[in-house]
């Protein structure tokens, strides 16, 4: 028996070509649909990324604005603290000057008192020294007079 001859070439039979073209059309249609779907997903992703980028830009602007406000507030607070510190320093300087003036005044009064007492004591000592010198002079004169008198008596006794 003879077997039907089959074509040995890789070419399909003309009646099968209709089906092959139909399958290819379906495959092409599927690829087009998938490509459209991919394009839509890419567009959706791009839109979402753009929206996220805008939202992120807005959030960055908000944070930047808040940071600027915080910096301004901090500068104002630092200025206030600086003014307060200057005021406190000025008050402390005034109080120190007042205490220094009071201490100086008190010390000057005490120095004047001590100087007055020292002057009085010096005058008293000078008067005592004068009195002592006067007594020494008086005793010296008396002693000299007594010695001269004794020498005269002694000389008279020797001559006798």
N, C-alpha and C. Protein backbone atom coordinates (compact mmCIF):
# COMPACT_ATOMS: atom_id res chain seq x y z
N UNK A 1 0.79 -1.15 0.00
CA UNK A 1 0.00 0.00 0.00
C UNK A 1 0.84 1.22 0.00
N UNK A 2 0.23 1.97 -0.56
CA UNK A 2 0.99 3.19 -0.66
C UNK A 2 0.46 4.17 0.34
N UNK A 3 1.34 4.75 0.93
CA UNK A 3 0.96 5.73 1.94
C UNK A 3 0.82 7.07 1.28
N UNK A 4 -0.09 7.83 1.84
CA UNK A 4 -0.22 9.14 1.25
C UNK A 4 1.08 9.90 1.44
N UNK A 5 1.41 10.61 0.49
CA UNK A 5 2.64 11.37 0.55
C UNK A 5 2.42 12.64 1.34
N UNK A 6 3.26 12.79 2.17
CA UNK A 6 3.18 14.00 2.97
C UNK A 6 4.28 14.92 2.50
N UNK A 7 3.95 16.14 2.49
CA UNK A 7 4.99 17.04 2.05
C UNK A 7 6.11 17.08 3.09
N UNK A 8 7.25 17.08 2.65
CA UNK A 8 8.41 17.08 3.53
C UNK A 8 8.86 18.49 3.86
N UNK A 9 8.29 19.42 3.22
CA UNK A 9 8.69 20.80 3.52
C UNK A 9 7.99 21.28 4.77
N UNK A 10 8.51 22.34 5.34
CA UNK A 10 7.94 22.89 6.55
C UNK A 10 6.79 23.82 6.25
N UNK A 11 6.43 23.96 5.08
CA UNK A 11 5.34 24.82 4.68
C UNK A 11 4.02 24.14 5.00
N UNK A 12 3.10 24.86 5.61
CA UNK A 12 1.81 24.24 5.89
C UNK A 12 1.00 24.14 4.61
N UNK A 13 0.04 23.33 4.68
CA UNK A 13 -0.87 23.14 3.55
C UNK A 13 -1.69 24.41 3.38
N UNK A 14 -2.10 24.72 2.16
CA UNK A 14 -2.86 25.93 1.95
C UNK A 14 -4.13 25.95 2.75
N UNK A 15 -4.77 24.87 3.00
CA UNK A 15 -5.99 24.93 3.78
C UNK A 15 -5.69 25.23 5.24
N UNK A 16 -4.47 24.86 5.70
CA UNK A 16 -4.08 25.16 7.08
C UNK A 16 -3.61 26.61 7.23
N UNK A 17 -3.28 27.24 6.12
CA UNK A 17 -2.79 28.62 6.17
C UNK A 17 -3.86 29.55 6.70
N UNK A 18 -5.06 29.30 6.39
CA UNK A 18 -6.15 30.13 6.88
C UNK A 18 -6.17 30.12 8.40
N UNK A 19 -6.02 28.92 8.97
CA UNK A 19 -6.02 28.81 10.42
C UNK A 19 -4.78 29.46 11.03
N UNK A 20 -3.66 29.33 10.38
CA UNK A 20 -2.42 29.90 10.90
C UNK A 20 -2.51 31.42 10.92
N UNK A 21 -3.04 31.98 9.83
CA UNK A 21 -3.18 33.43 9.78
C UNK A 21 -4.16 33.89 10.85
N UNK A 22 -5.21 33.13 11.04
CA UNK A 22 -6.20 33.48 12.05
C UNK A 22 -5.56 33.45 13.44
N UNK A 23 -4.75 32.41 13.72
CA UNK A 23 -4.07 32.32 15.01
C UNK A 23 -3.08 33.47 15.19
N UNK A 24 -2.38 33.77 14.07
CA UNK A 24 -1.43 34.87 14.14
C UNK A 24 -2.13 36.20 14.40
N UNK A 25 -3.30 36.39 13.76
CA UNK A 25 -4.07 37.62 14.01
C UNK A 25 -4.49 37.71 15.46
N UNK A 26 -4.95 36.58 16.01
CA UNK A 26 -5.35 36.56 17.42
C UNK A 26 -4.16 36.87 18.32
N UNK A 27 -3.00 36.26 17.98
CA UNK A 27 -1.80 36.52 18.79
C UNK A 27 -1.39 37.99 18.70
N UNK A 28 -1.46 38.53 17.47
CA UNK A 28 -1.13 39.95 17.30
C UNK A 28 -2.11 40.82 18.07
N UNK A 29 -3.39 40.47 18.05
CA UNK A 29 -4.41 41.23 18.78
C UNK A 29 -4.11 41.14 20.28
N UNK A 30 -3.75 39.94 20.75
CA UNK A 30 -3.41 39.79 22.17
C UNK A 30 -2.19 40.66 22.53
N UNK A 31 -1.20 40.64 21.64
CA UNK A 31 0.01 41.43 21.91
C UNK A 31 -0.34 42.91 21.92
N UNK A 32 -1.20 43.34 20.98
CA UNK A 32 -1.61 44.75 20.96
C UNK A 32 -2.36 45.10 22.24
N UNK A 33 -3.24 44.24 22.68
CA UNK A 33 -4.00 44.49 23.92
C UNK A 33 -3.05 44.56 25.12
N UNK A 34 -2.12 43.63 25.16
CA UNK A 34 -1.16 43.64 26.27
C UNK A 34 -0.30 44.91 26.22
N UNK A 35 0.10 45.31 24.97
CA UNK A 35 0.89 46.52 24.82
C UNK A 35 0.09 47.74 25.28
N UNK A 36 -1.20 47.78 24.90
CA UNK A 36 -2.05 48.88 25.38
C UNK A 36 -2.14 48.87 26.90
N UNK A 37 -2.32 47.66 27.44
CA UNK A 37 -2.39 47.54 28.91
C UNK A 37 -1.11 48.02 29.56
N UNK A 38 0.04 47.64 28.94
CA UNK A 38 1.33 48.10 29.48
C UNK A 38 1.45 49.61 29.38
N UNK A 39 1.04 50.17 28.23
CA UNK A 39 1.08 51.62 28.08
C UNK A 39 0.18 52.29 29.12
N UNK A 40 -0.99 51.72 29.36
CA UNK A 40 -1.89 52.30 30.37
C UNK A 40 -1.26 52.20 31.76
N UNK A 41 -0.64 51.06 32.07
CA UNK A 41 0.00 50.90 33.37
C UNK A 41 1.17 51.87 33.52
N UNK A 42 1.93 52.03 32.38
CA UNK A 42 3.05 52.99 32.42
C UNK A 42 2.52 54.40 32.62
N UNK A 43 1.45 54.75 31.90
CA UNK A 43 0.85 56.08 32.07
C UNK A 43 0.33 56.27 33.48
N UNK A 44 -0.33 55.22 34.02
CA UNK A 44 -0.82 55.29 35.40
C UNK A 44 0.34 55.46 36.38
N UNK A 45 1.41 54.69 36.14
CA UNK A 45 2.58 54.79 37.03
C UNK A 45 3.20 56.18 36.91
N UNK A 46 3.29 56.70 35.67
CA UNK A 46 3.85 58.03 35.47
C UNK A 46 2.98 59.08 36.15
N UNK A 47 1.66 58.94 36.02
CA UNK A 47 0.73 59.87 36.67
C UNK A 47 0.88 59.79 38.18
N UNK A 48 0.96 58.54 38.70
CA UNK A 48 1.12 58.37 40.15
C UNK A 48 2.45 58.96 40.61
N UNK A 49 3.52 58.73 39.82
CA UNK A 49 4.83 59.27 40.19
C UNK A 49 4.80 60.80 40.15
N UNK A 50 4.13 61.37 39.14
CA UNK A 50 4.02 62.82 39.06
C UNK A 50 3.24 63.36 40.25
N UNK A 51 2.15 62.67 40.58
CA UNK A 51 1.33 63.08 41.73
C UNK A 51 2.15 62.97 43.01
N UNK A 52 2.86 61.85 43.16
CA UNK A 52 3.71 61.67 44.34
C UNK A 52 4.80 62.74 44.39
N UNK A 53 5.36 63.05 43.22
CA UNK A 53 6.39 64.07 43.15
C UNK A 53 5.83 65.42 43.57
N UNK A 54 4.63 65.76 43.08
CA UNK A 54 4.00 67.02 43.48
C UNK A 54 3.72 67.03 44.98
N UNK A 55 3.15 65.89 45.47
CA UNK A 55 2.85 65.81 46.90
C UNK A 55 4.12 65.92 47.72
N UNK A 56 5.16 65.26 47.26
CA UNK A 56 6.44 65.32 47.96
C UNK A 56 6.99 66.75 47.92
N UNK A 57 6.87 67.41 46.77
CA UNK A 57 7.30 68.81 46.66
C UNK A 57 6.53 69.70 47.62
N UNK A 58 5.21 69.46 47.70
CA UNK A 58 4.38 70.24 48.63
C UNK A 58 4.82 69.99 50.06
N UNK A 59 5.06 68.71 50.40
CA UNK A 59 5.48 68.38 51.76
C UNK A 59 6.85 69.00 52.07
N UNK A 60 7.73 68.97 51.06
CA UNK A 60 9.05 69.59 51.26
C UNK A 60 8.88 71.08 51.47
N UNK A 61 8.01 71.71 50.68
CA UNK A 61 7.76 73.15 50.86
C UNK A 61 7.18 73.44 52.23
N UNK A 62 6.26 72.57 52.69
CA UNK A 62 5.65 72.77 54.01
C UNK A 62 6.72 72.63 55.11
N UNK A 63 7.54 71.58 54.97
CA UNK A 63 8.59 71.37 55.98
C UNK A 63 9.58 72.52 55.94
N UNK A 64 9.93 72.98 54.74
CA UNK A 64 10.85 74.12 54.61
C UNK A 64 10.24 75.36 55.24
N UNK A 65 8.95 75.57 55.01
CA UNK A 65 8.27 76.72 55.59
C UNK A 65 8.26 76.62 57.11
N UNK A 66 7.94 75.42 57.62
CA UNK A 66 7.94 75.22 59.07
C UNK A 66 9.33 75.42 59.65
N UNK A 67 10.35 74.90 58.93
CA UNK A 67 11.73 75.07 59.40
C UNK A 67 12.11 76.55 59.42
N UNK A 68 11.70 77.28 58.39
CA UNK A 68 11.98 78.72 58.35
C UNK A 68 11.30 79.43 59.51
N UNK A 69 10.05 79.04 59.78
CA UNK A 69 9.32 79.64 60.90
C UNK A 69 10.02 79.31 62.22
N UNK A 70 10.46 78.06 62.36
CA UNK A 70 11.16 77.66 63.58
C UNK A 70 12.47 78.44 63.73
N UNK A 71 13.20 78.62 62.60
CA UNK A 71 14.43 79.39 62.67
C UNK A 71 14.15 80.83 63.09
N UNK A 72 13.09 81.43 62.52
CA UNK A 72 12.73 82.79 62.91
C UNK A 72 12.39 82.84 64.39
N UNK A 73 11.59 81.85 64.85
CA UNK A 73 11.21 81.82 66.26
C UNK A 73 12.45 81.67 67.14
N UNK A 74 13.37 80.80 66.71
CA UNK A 74 14.59 80.60 67.50
C UNK A 74 15.44 81.87 67.51
N UNK A 75 15.54 82.55 66.35
CA UNK A 75 16.29 83.81 66.32
C UNK A 75 15.67 84.83 67.27
N UNK A 76 14.33 84.92 67.24
CA UNK A 76 13.65 85.86 68.13
C UNK A 76 13.91 85.50 69.59
N UNK A 77 13.85 84.20 69.89
CA UNK A 77 14.08 83.75 71.28
C UNK A 77 15.52 84.03 71.70
N UNK A 78 16.45 83.78 70.77
CA UNK A 78 17.87 84.06 71.07
C UNK A 78 18.05 85.55 71.31
N UNK A 79 17.41 86.37 70.48
CA UNK A 79 17.51 87.82 70.69
C UNK A 79 16.93 88.22 72.04
N UNK A 80 15.79 87.62 72.41
CA UNK A 80 15.19 87.92 73.70
C UNK A 80 16.12 87.52 74.84
N UNK A 81 16.69 86.32 74.73
CA UNK A 81 17.60 85.83 75.77
C UNK A 81 18.83 86.73 75.83
N UNK A 82 19.31 87.16 74.67
CA UNK A 82 20.47 88.04 74.63
C UNK A 82 20.16 89.37 75.32
N UNK A 83 18.99 89.92 75.04
CA UNK A 83 18.58 91.18 75.68
C UNK A 83 18.43 90.97 77.19
N UNK A 84 17.80 89.84 77.57
CA UNK A 84 17.65 89.54 79.00
C UNK A 84 19.01 89.40 79.67
N UNK A 85 19.94 88.70 78.99
CA UNK A 85 21.27 88.51 79.55
C UNK A 85 21.99 89.85 79.70
N UNK A 86 21.85 90.72 78.70
CA UNK A 86 22.49 92.04 78.79
C UNK A 86 21.89 92.83 79.95
N UNK A 87 20.57 92.75 80.10
CA UNK A 87 19.90 93.45 81.19
C UNK A 87 20.38 92.90 82.54
N UNK A 88 20.45 91.58 82.64
CA UNK A 88 20.91 90.96 83.89
C UNK A 88 22.36 91.36 84.19
N UNK A 89 23.19 91.36 83.14
CA UNK A 89 24.59 91.75 83.32
C UNK A 89 24.68 93.19 83.80
N UNK A 90 23.86 94.06 83.21
CA UNK A 90 23.84 95.46 83.62
C UNK A 90 23.39 95.59 85.07
N UNK A 91 22.33 94.84 85.43
CA UNK A 91 21.84 94.87 86.82
C UNK A 91 22.92 94.38 87.78
N UNK A 92 23.59 93.30 87.40
CA UNK A 92 24.65 92.77 88.26
C UNK A 92 25.78 93.78 88.41
N UNK A 93 26.15 94.44 87.32
CA UNK A 93 27.20 95.46 87.40
C UNK A 93 26.79 96.58 88.33
N UNK A 94 25.55 97.02 88.23
CA UNK A 94 25.06 98.08 89.11
C UNK A 94 25.08 97.64 90.57
N UNK A 95 24.64 96.40 90.82
CA UNK A 95 24.64 95.89 92.20
C UNK A 95 26.06 95.75 92.73
N UNK A 96 26.97 95.29 91.87
CA UNK A 96 28.37 95.16 92.29
C UNK A 96 28.95 96.53 92.60
N UNK A 97 28.65 97.52 91.75
CA UNK A 97 29.13 98.88 91.99
C UNK A 97 28.56 99.42 93.30
N UNK A 98 27.27 99.14 93.57
CA UNK A 98 26.65 99.62 94.81
C UNK A 98 27.31 98.96 96.02
N UNK A 99 27.54 97.65 95.93
CA UNK A 99 28.19 96.94 97.04
C UNK A 99 29.62 97.45 97.21
N UNK A 100 30.30 97.66 96.08
CA UNK A 100 31.67 98.17 96.15
C UNK A 100 31.70 99.56 96.77
N UNK A 101 30.76 100.41 96.37
CA UNK A 101 30.71 101.76 96.93
C UNK A 101 30.42 101.71 98.43
N UNK A 102 29.48 100.83 98.82
CA UNK A 102 29.16 100.71 100.24
C UNK A 102 30.36 100.18 101.01
N UNK A 103 31.03 99.18 100.43
CA UNK A 103 32.20 98.62 101.11
C UNK A 103 33.31 99.66 101.20
N UNK A 104 33.52 100.39 100.12
CA UNK A 104 34.55 101.42 100.12
C UNK A 104 34.23 102.50 101.14
N UNK A 105 32.97 102.91 101.18
CA UNK A 105 32.55 103.91 102.15
C UNK A 105 32.76 103.39 103.57
N UNK A 106 32.35 102.16 103.82
CA UNK A 106 32.53 101.57 105.16
C UNK A 106 34.00 101.46 105.51
N UNK A 107 34.80 101.03 104.53
CA UNK A 107 36.24 100.93 104.79
C UNK A 107 36.85 102.30 105.04
N UNK A 108 36.43 103.28 104.28
CA UNK A 108 36.97 104.62 104.47
C UNK A 108 36.61 105.15 105.86
N UNK A 109 35.37 104.90 106.29
CA UNK A 109 34.97 105.33 107.64
C UNK A 109 35.82 104.64 108.69
N UNK A 110 36.04 103.33 108.48
CA UNK A 110 36.84 102.57 109.46
C UNK A 110 38.28 103.07 109.45
N UNK A 111 38.81 103.35 108.25
CA UNK A 111 40.17 103.88 108.15
C UNK A 111 40.26 105.23 108.86
N UNK A 112 39.25 106.08 108.67
CA UNK A 112 39.23 107.38 109.33
C UNK A 112 39.17 107.21 110.85
N UNK A 113 38.34 106.26 111.30
CA UNK A 113 38.25 106.02 112.75
C UNK A 113 39.58 105.53 113.30
N UNK A 114 40.18 104.57 112.60
CA UNK A 114 41.47 104.03 113.07
C UNK A 114 42.53 105.13 113.02
N UNK A 115 42.51 105.96 111.97
CA UNK A 115 43.47 107.05 111.87
C UNK A 115 43.28 108.04 113.01
N UNK A 116 42.04 108.33 113.33
CA UNK A 116 41.74 109.25 114.43
C UNK A 116 42.23 108.67 115.76
N UNK A 117 41.95 107.39 115.97
CA UNK A 117 42.41 106.73 117.21
C UNK A 117 43.92 106.73 117.27
N UNK A 118 44.57 106.42 116.10
CA UNK A 118 46.03 106.40 116.06
C UNK A 118 46.59 107.78 116.35
N UNK A 119 45.98 108.83 115.81
CA UNK A 119 46.44 110.20 116.07
C UNK A 119 46.30 110.54 117.54
N UNK A 120 45.18 110.16 118.11
CA UNK A 120 44.96 110.42 119.54
C UNK A 120 45.99 109.67 120.37
N UNK A 121 46.25 108.42 120.04
CA UNK A 121 47.23 107.62 120.78
C UNK A 121 48.63 108.21 120.62
N UNK A 122 48.96 108.69 119.40
CA UNK A 122 50.27 109.28 119.16
C UNK A 122 50.42 110.55 120.03
N UNK A 123 49.38 111.38 120.08
CA UNK A 123 49.44 112.58 120.91
C UNK A 123 49.60 112.21 122.39
N UNK A 124 48.84 111.19 122.81
CA UNK A 124 48.96 110.75 124.22
C UNK A 124 50.37 110.25 124.51
N UNK A 125 50.92 109.47 123.56
CA UNK A 125 52.28 108.96 123.76
C UNK A 125 53.30 110.10 123.77
N UNK A 126 53.09 111.09 122.88
CA UNK A 126 54.01 112.23 122.86
C UNK A 126 53.94 112.99 124.18
N UNK A 127 52.72 113.16 124.71
CA UNK A 127 52.58 113.85 126.00
C UNK A 127 53.23 113.05 127.12
N UNK A 128 53.04 111.71 127.08
CA UNK A 128 53.67 110.86 128.10
C UNK A 128 55.18 110.93 127.98
N UNK A 129 55.67 110.96 126.70
CA UNK A 129 57.11 111.04 126.47
C UNK A 129 57.66 112.38 127.00
N UNK A 130 56.94 113.46 126.76
CA UNK A 130 57.35 114.76 127.28
C UNK A 130 57.38 114.74 128.81
N UNK A 131 56.34 114.15 129.39
CA UNK A 131 56.29 114.08 130.86
C UNK A 131 57.44 113.24 131.40
N UNK A 132 57.71 112.11 130.69
CA UNK A 132 58.81 111.24 131.12
C UNK A 132 60.13 111.97 130.96
N UNK A 133 60.31 112.64 129.81
CA UNK A 133 61.56 113.41 129.60
C UNK A 133 61.70 114.50 130.65
N UNK A 134 60.60 115.14 130.98
CA UNK A 134 60.62 116.19 131.99
C UNK A 134 61.05 115.60 133.35
N UNK A 135 60.51 114.43 133.69
CA UNK A 135 60.89 113.79 134.96
C UNK A 135 62.34 113.36 134.94
N UNK A 136 62.78 112.83 133.75
CA UNK A 136 64.18 112.43 133.65
C UNK A 136 65.07 113.65 133.81
N UNK A 137 64.70 114.77 133.13
CA UNK A 137 65.49 116.01 133.26
C UNK A 137 65.50 116.47 134.73
N UNK A 138 64.35 116.39 135.33
CA UNK A 138 64.27 116.83 136.74
C UNK A 138 65.12 115.92 137.63
N UNK A 139 65.00 114.63 137.42
CA UNK A 139 65.81 113.69 138.21
C UNK A 139 67.30 113.88 137.93
N UNK A 140 67.63 114.14 136.65
CA UNK A 140 69.02 114.35 136.29
C UNK A 140 69.56 115.59 136.99
N UNK A 141 68.77 116.67 136.98
CA UNK A 141 69.19 117.90 137.64
C UNK A 141 69.35 117.66 139.14
N UNK A 142 68.42 116.99 139.71
CA UNK A 142 68.51 116.71 141.14
C UNK A 142 69.73 115.87 141.45
N UNK A 143 69.94 114.83 140.54
CA UNK A 143 71.11 113.97 140.74
C UNK A 143 72.39 114.78 140.59
N UNK A 144 72.48 115.64 139.59
CA UNK A 144 73.68 116.46 139.36
C UNK A 144 73.89 117.43 140.54
N UNK A 145 72.80 118.01 140.97
CA UNK A 145 72.90 118.93 142.10
C UNK A 145 73.39 118.18 143.34
N UNK A 146 72.82 117.01 143.52
CA UNK A 146 73.21 116.22 144.69
C UNK A 146 74.68 115.82 144.57
N UNK A 147 75.12 115.46 143.36
CA UNK A 147 76.51 115.05 143.17
C UNK A 147 77.47 116.24 143.39
N UNK A 148 77.05 117.38 142.88
CA UNK A 148 77.90 118.56 143.06
C UNK A 148 77.98 118.91 144.55
N UNK A 149 76.84 118.82 145.19
CA UNK A 149 76.83 119.13 146.63
C UNK A 149 77.66 118.11 147.39
N UNK A 150 77.54 116.89 147.05
CA UNK A 150 78.32 115.85 147.72
C UNK A 150 79.82 116.03 147.44
N UNK A 151 80.13 116.41 146.18
CA UNK A 151 81.54 116.61 145.85
C UNK A 151 82.08 117.78 146.67
N UNK A 152 81.29 118.84 146.80
CA UNK A 152 81.74 119.98 147.60
C UNK A 152 81.91 119.57 149.06
N UNK A 153 81.02 118.79 149.56
CA UNK A 153 81.13 118.31 150.95
C UNK A 153 82.34 117.40 151.08
N UNK A 154 82.53 116.60 150.11
CA UNK A 154 83.65 115.67 150.14
C UNK A 154 84.99 116.46 150.07
N UNK A 155 85.02 117.48 149.26
CA UNK A 155 86.23 118.29 149.13
C UNK A 155 86.46 119.03 150.46
N UNK A 156 85.36 119.50 151.07
CA UNK A 156 85.50 120.20 152.33
C UNK A 156 85.94 119.26 153.44
N UNK A 157 85.51 118.09 153.36
CA UNK A 157 85.89 117.12 154.37
C UNK A 157 87.33 116.67 154.20
N UNK A 158 87.71 116.63 152.98
CA UNK A 158 89.09 116.23 152.72
C UNK A 158 90.00 117.36 153.24
N UNK A 159 89.63 118.60 153.09
CA UNK A 159 90.48 119.71 153.54
C UNK A 159 90.45 119.80 155.06
N UNK A 160 89.61 119.31 155.60
CA UNK A 160 89.54 119.42 157.04
C UNK A 160 90.33 118.36 157.65
